[in-house]
Amino acid sequence: MGKRSANPTFRVHFDDGIKIEIRGVDSRDVPKAAKAQHDGIIRKIKVVKDDQTQSAAS
């Protein structure tokens, strides 16, 4: 198991097919941040990438 960075990027999938990316928030705050950008039913939230993972891959 690897450590996650403090600022991962989350991809939020809504029921109507809209997908948005949320950065720089705590994982508990992702639904609130997503609802502020798009009013809809959240279907799925995934971690897309970490700053730490990107640095290690370079």
N, C-alpha and C. Protein backbone atom coordinates (compact mmCIF):
# COMPACT_ATOMS: atom_id res chain seq x y z
N MET A 1 0.84 -1.19 0.00
CA MET A 1 0.00 0.00 0.00
C MET A 1 0.87 1.25 0.00
N GLY A 2 0.57 2.18 -0.89
CA GLY A 2 1.32 3.42 -0.95
C GLY A 2 0.58 4.53 -0.23
N LYS A 3 1.34 5.54 0.13
CA LYS A 3 0.72 6.70 0.76
C LYS A 3 0.12 7.59 -0.30
N ARG A 4 -1.00 8.18 0.00
CA ARG A 4 -1.62 9.14 -0.91
C ARG A 4 -1.13 10.53 -0.56
N SER A 5 -1.03 11.37 -1.57
CA SER A 5 -0.61 12.74 -1.34
C SER A 5 -1.74 13.55 -0.72
N ALA A 6 -1.41 14.74 -0.30
CA ALA A 6 -2.40 15.60 0.34
C ALA A 6 -3.40 16.17 -0.67
N ASN A 7 -3.02 16.24 -1.96
CA ASN A 7 -3.89 16.88 -2.95
C ASN A 7 -4.14 15.99 -4.17
N PRO A 8 -4.89 14.91 -4.00
CA PRO A 8 -5.21 14.10 -5.17
C PRO A 8 -6.27 14.79 -6.03
N THR A 9 -6.43 14.30 -7.24
CA THR A 9 -7.49 14.78 -8.13
C THR A 9 -8.59 13.72 -8.12
N PHE A 10 -9.82 14.16 -7.94
CA PHE A 10 -10.96 13.27 -7.92
C PHE A 10 -11.81 13.50 -9.16
N ARG A 11 -12.30 12.44 -9.78
CA ARG A 11 -13.24 12.57 -10.88
C ARG A 11 -14.61 12.17 -10.34
N VAL A 12 -15.56 13.07 -10.50
CA VAL A 12 -16.92 12.87 -10.00
C VAL A 12 -17.84 12.62 -11.19
N HIS A 13 -18.55 11.49 -11.15
CA HIS A 13 -19.48 11.11 -12.21
C HIS A 13 -20.90 11.37 -11.71
N PHE A 14 -21.66 12.10 -12.51
CA PHE A 14 -23.06 12.38 -12.17
C PHE A 14 -23.98 11.46 -12.96
N ASP A 15 -25.20 11.31 -12.47
CA ASP A 15 -26.19 10.43 -13.07
C ASP A 15 -26.55 10.84 -14.50
N ASP A 16 -26.43 12.14 -14.81
CA ASP A 16 -26.79 12.61 -16.16
C ASP A 16 -25.63 12.52 -17.16
N GLY A 17 -24.52 11.90 -16.75
CA GLY A 17 -23.40 11.69 -17.66
C GLY A 17 -22.29 12.73 -17.56
N ILE A 18 -22.49 13.79 -16.81
CA ILE A 18 -21.47 14.82 -16.64
C ILE A 18 -20.36 14.28 -15.75
N LYS A 19 -19.12 14.59 -16.12
CA LYS A 19 -17.95 14.22 -15.32
C LYS A 19 -17.15 15.49 -15.06
N ILE A 20 -16.78 15.72 -13.81
CA ILE A 20 -15.95 16.87 -13.47
C ILE A 20 -14.79 16.40 -12.60
N GLU A 21 -13.71 17.16 -12.64
CA GLU A 21 -12.55 16.87 -11.81
C GLU A 21 -12.46 17.91 -10.71
N ILE A 22 -12.19 17.43 -9.51
CA ILE A 22 -12.07 18.28 -8.33
C ILE A 22 -10.65 18.11 -7.80
N ARG A 23 -9.96 19.23 -7.56
CA ARG A 23 -8.59 19.19 -7.04
C ARG A 23 -8.48 20.00 -5.76
N GLY A 24 -7.53 19.62 -4.94
CA GLY A 24 -7.15 20.44 -3.80
C GLY A 24 -8.12 20.45 -2.65
N VAL A 25 -8.98 19.46 -2.54
CA VAL A 25 -9.88 19.39 -1.39
C VAL A 25 -9.70 18.05 -0.70
N ASP A 26 -10.08 18.00 0.56
CA ASP A 26 -10.06 16.76 1.32
C ASP A 26 -11.12 15.82 0.76
N SER A 27 -10.88 14.53 0.82
CA SER A 27 -11.81 13.57 0.23
C SER A 27 -13.22 13.68 0.81
N ARG A 28 -13.33 14.11 2.05
CA ARG A 28 -14.67 14.25 2.66
C ARG A 28 -15.43 15.44 2.09
N ASP A 29 -14.71 16.40 1.50
CA ASP A 29 -15.34 17.60 0.96
C ASP A 29 -15.63 17.53 -0.54
N VAL A 30 -15.26 16.43 -1.18
CA VAL A 30 -15.45 16.30 -2.63
C VAL A 30 -16.92 16.40 -3.04
N PRO A 31 -17.85 15.70 -2.37
CA PRO A 31 -19.26 15.83 -2.80
C PRO A 31 -19.78 17.27 -2.73
N LYS A 32 -19.42 17.98 -1.67
CA LYS A 32 -19.88 19.37 -1.53
C LYS A 32 -19.29 20.25 -2.63
N ALA A 33 -18.00 20.07 -2.94
CA ALA A 33 -17.36 20.86 -3.99
C ALA A 33 -17.96 20.53 -5.36
N ALA A 34 -18.27 19.26 -5.59
CA ALA A 34 -18.86 18.85 -6.87
C ALA A 34 -20.27 19.42 -7.02
N LYS A 35 -21.06 19.39 -5.96
CA LYS A 35 -22.42 19.94 -6.01
C LYS A 35 -22.41 21.44 -6.26
N ALA A 36 -21.35 22.12 -5.81
CA ALA A 36 -21.25 23.56 -6.05
C ALA A 36 -21.03 23.86 -7.54
N GLN A 37 -20.43 22.90 -8.26
CA GLN A 37 -20.16 23.10 -9.69
C GLN A 37 -21.28 22.57 -10.58
N HIS A 38 -21.96 21.51 -10.13
CA HIS A 38 -23.01 20.90 -10.96
C HIS A 38 -24.08 20.33 -10.05
N ASP A 39 -25.32 20.70 -10.28
CA ASP A 39 -26.42 20.21 -9.47
C ASP A 39 -26.96 18.93 -10.09
N GLY A 40 -26.66 17.81 -9.46
CA GLY A 40 -27.12 16.53 -9.97
C GLY A 40 -26.86 15.44 -8.95
N ILE A 41 -27.22 14.23 -9.31
CA ILE A 41 -27.03 13.08 -8.43
C ILE A 41 -25.64 12.49 -8.70
N ILE A 42 -24.82 12.42 -7.66
CA ILE A 42 -23.48 11.85 -7.80
C ILE A 42 -23.59 10.34 -7.83
N ARG A 43 -23.01 9.76 -8.86
CA ARG A 43 -23.06 8.31 -9.06
C ARG A 43 -21.78 7.64 -8.58
N LYS A 44 -20.63 8.30 -8.80
CA LYS A 44 -19.35 7.67 -8.50
C LYS A 44 -18.30 8.76 -8.28
N ILE A 45 -17.38 8.49 -7.35
CA ILE A 45 -16.23 9.37 -7.13
C ILE A 45 -14.99 8.49 -7.15
N LYS A 46 -14.02 8.88 -7.99
CA LYS A 46 -12.79 8.09 -8.12
C LYS A 46 -11.58 9.00 -7.93
N VAL A 47 -10.51 8.44 -7.38
CA VAL A 47 -9.23 9.14 -7.33
C VAL A 47 -8.57 8.94 -8.68
N VAL A 48 -8.26 10.03 -9.38
CA VAL A 48 -7.70 9.95 -10.72
C VAL A 48 -6.18 9.87 -10.66
N LYS A 49 -5.57 10.80 -9.95
CA LYS A 49 -4.12 10.82 -9.87
C LYS A 49 -3.69 11.58 -8.63
N ASP A 50 -2.50 11.26 -8.17
CA ASP A 50 -1.91 11.96 -7.04
C ASP A 50 -0.72 12.75 -7.55
N ASP A 51 -0.39 13.83 -6.88
CA ASP A 51 0.83 14.57 -7.20
C ASP A 51 2.05 13.67 -6.95
N GLN A 52 2.00 12.87 -5.89
CA GLN A 52 3.10 11.98 -5.55
C GLN A 52 3.30 10.91 -6.64
N THR A 53 2.21 10.35 -7.14
CA THR A 53 2.28 9.32 -8.18
C THR A 53 2.86 9.92 -9.47
N GLN A 54 2.44 11.13 -9.81
CA GLN A 54 2.94 11.78 -11.02
C GLN A 54 4.44 12.05 -10.90
N SER A 55 4.91 12.45 -9.72
CA SER A 55 6.33 12.74 -9.53
C SER A 55 7.15 11.48 -9.64
N ALA A 56 6.64 10.37 -9.10
CA ALA A 56 7.37 9.11 -9.14
C ALA A 56 7.46 8.56 -10.57
N ALA A 57 6.44 8.83 -11.38
CA ALA A 57 6.40 8.32 -12.75
C ALA A 57 7.35 9.07 -13.67
N SER A 58 7.70 10.30 -13.30
CA SER A 58 8.57 11.11 -14.17
C SER A 58 10.01 10.69 -14.09
